[in-house]
Amino acid sequence: MTSVALAFAAGVCLLQAQAALPAPLWGLALPVCIGLAVWRPALRVPAALVVGFMWAAFAAHVRIADR
């Protein structure tokens, strides 16, 4: 559980290091990653990294759209 939380946080930090936000269409990767994490427990850590990255990207897009 700790490694999953750290991977999620690492995904958020990885987004912070990017020069630009990914396209919102990449948000479609969220259900796929969550499904993979449920289906294959060995993929939970990499899936948490991607989910953290995409969650932060979605939150940033929402925040920018509020302006």
Protein backbone atom coordinates (compact mmCIF):
# COMPACT_ATOMS: atom_id res chain seq x y z
CA MET A 1 0.00 0.00 0.00
CA THR A 2 2.83 2.39 0.79
CA SER A 3 4.50 1.75 -2.55
CA VAL A 4 1.23 2.46 -4.35
CA ALA A 5 0.83 5.78 -2.52
CA LEU A 6 4.45 6.70 -3.26
CA ALA A 7 3.97 5.82 -6.94
CA PHE A 8 0.85 8.01 -7.08
CA ALA A 9 2.78 10.91 -5.53
CA ALA A 10 5.67 10.30 -7.93
CA GLY A 11 3.21 10.56 -10.83
CA VAL A 12 2.01 13.92 -9.53
CA CYS A 13 5.62 15.10 -9.17
CA LEU A 14 6.40 13.89 -12.67
CA LEU A 15 3.65 16.10 -14.06
CA GLN A 16 5.12 19.07 -12.19
CA ALA A 17 8.40 18.50 -14.05
CA GLN A 18 6.72 18.65 -17.47
CA ALA A 19 6.94 21.81 -19.57
CA ALA A 20 3.36 21.47 -20.82
CA LEU A 21 0.21 19.65 -19.83
CA PRO A 22 -0.71 16.52 -21.77
CA ALA A 23 -3.83 16.61 -23.92
CA PRO A 24 -7.06 15.99 -22.00
CA LEU A 25 -7.66 12.96 -24.22
CA TRP A 26 -4.95 11.15 -22.25
CA GLY A 27 -7.46 11.06 -19.39
CA LEU A 28 -8.94 8.01 -21.09
CA ALA A 29 -5.94 6.11 -19.73
CA LEU A 30 -7.34 6.37 -16.20
CA PRO A 31 -10.01 3.65 -16.44
CA VAL A 32 -7.59 1.39 -18.29
CA CYS A 33 -4.91 1.78 -15.61
CA ILE A 34 -7.38 1.27 -12.79
CA GLY A 35 -8.72 -1.83 -14.51
CA LEU A 36 -5.20 -3.20 -14.96
CA ALA A 37 -4.42 -2.56 -11.30
CA VAL A 38 -7.51 -4.49 -10.24
CA TRP A 39 -6.94 -7.30 -12.75
CA ARG A 40 -3.20 -7.74 -12.18
CA PRO A 41 -1.97 -6.85 -8.69
CA ALA A 42 1.63 -6.80 -9.98
CA LEU A 43 0.70 -3.74 -12.08
CA ARG A 44 -0.59 -1.69 -9.15
CA VAL A 45 2.56 0.38 -8.70
CA PRO A 46 3.02 1.36 -12.37
CA ALA A 47 -0.72 1.96 -12.69
CA ALA A 48 -0.66 4.20 -9.60
CA LEU A 49 2.14 6.23 -11.20
CA VAL A 50 0.06 6.80 -14.34
CA VAL A 51 -3.10 7.49 -12.34
CA GLY A 52 -1.28 10.09 -10.24
CA PHE A 53 0.09 11.74 -13.36
CA MET A 54 -3.29 11.83 -15.10
CA TRP A 55 -5.17 12.92 -11.97
CA ALA A 56 -2.84 15.88 -11.57
CA ALA A 57 -3.17 16.70 -15.28
CA PHE A 58 -6.96 16.61 -15.02
CA ALA A 59 -6.93 18.84 -11.95
CA ALA A 60 -4.63 21.30 -13.74
CA HIS A 61 -6.90 21.39 -16.81
CA VAL A 62 -9.92 22.06 -14.59
CA ARG A 63 -8.05 24.81 -12.76
CA ILE A 64 -6.95 26.46 -16.01
CA ALA A 65 -10.47 26.24 -17.42
CA ASP A 66 -11.75 28.22 -14.42
CA ARG A 67 -9.78 31.27 -15.47
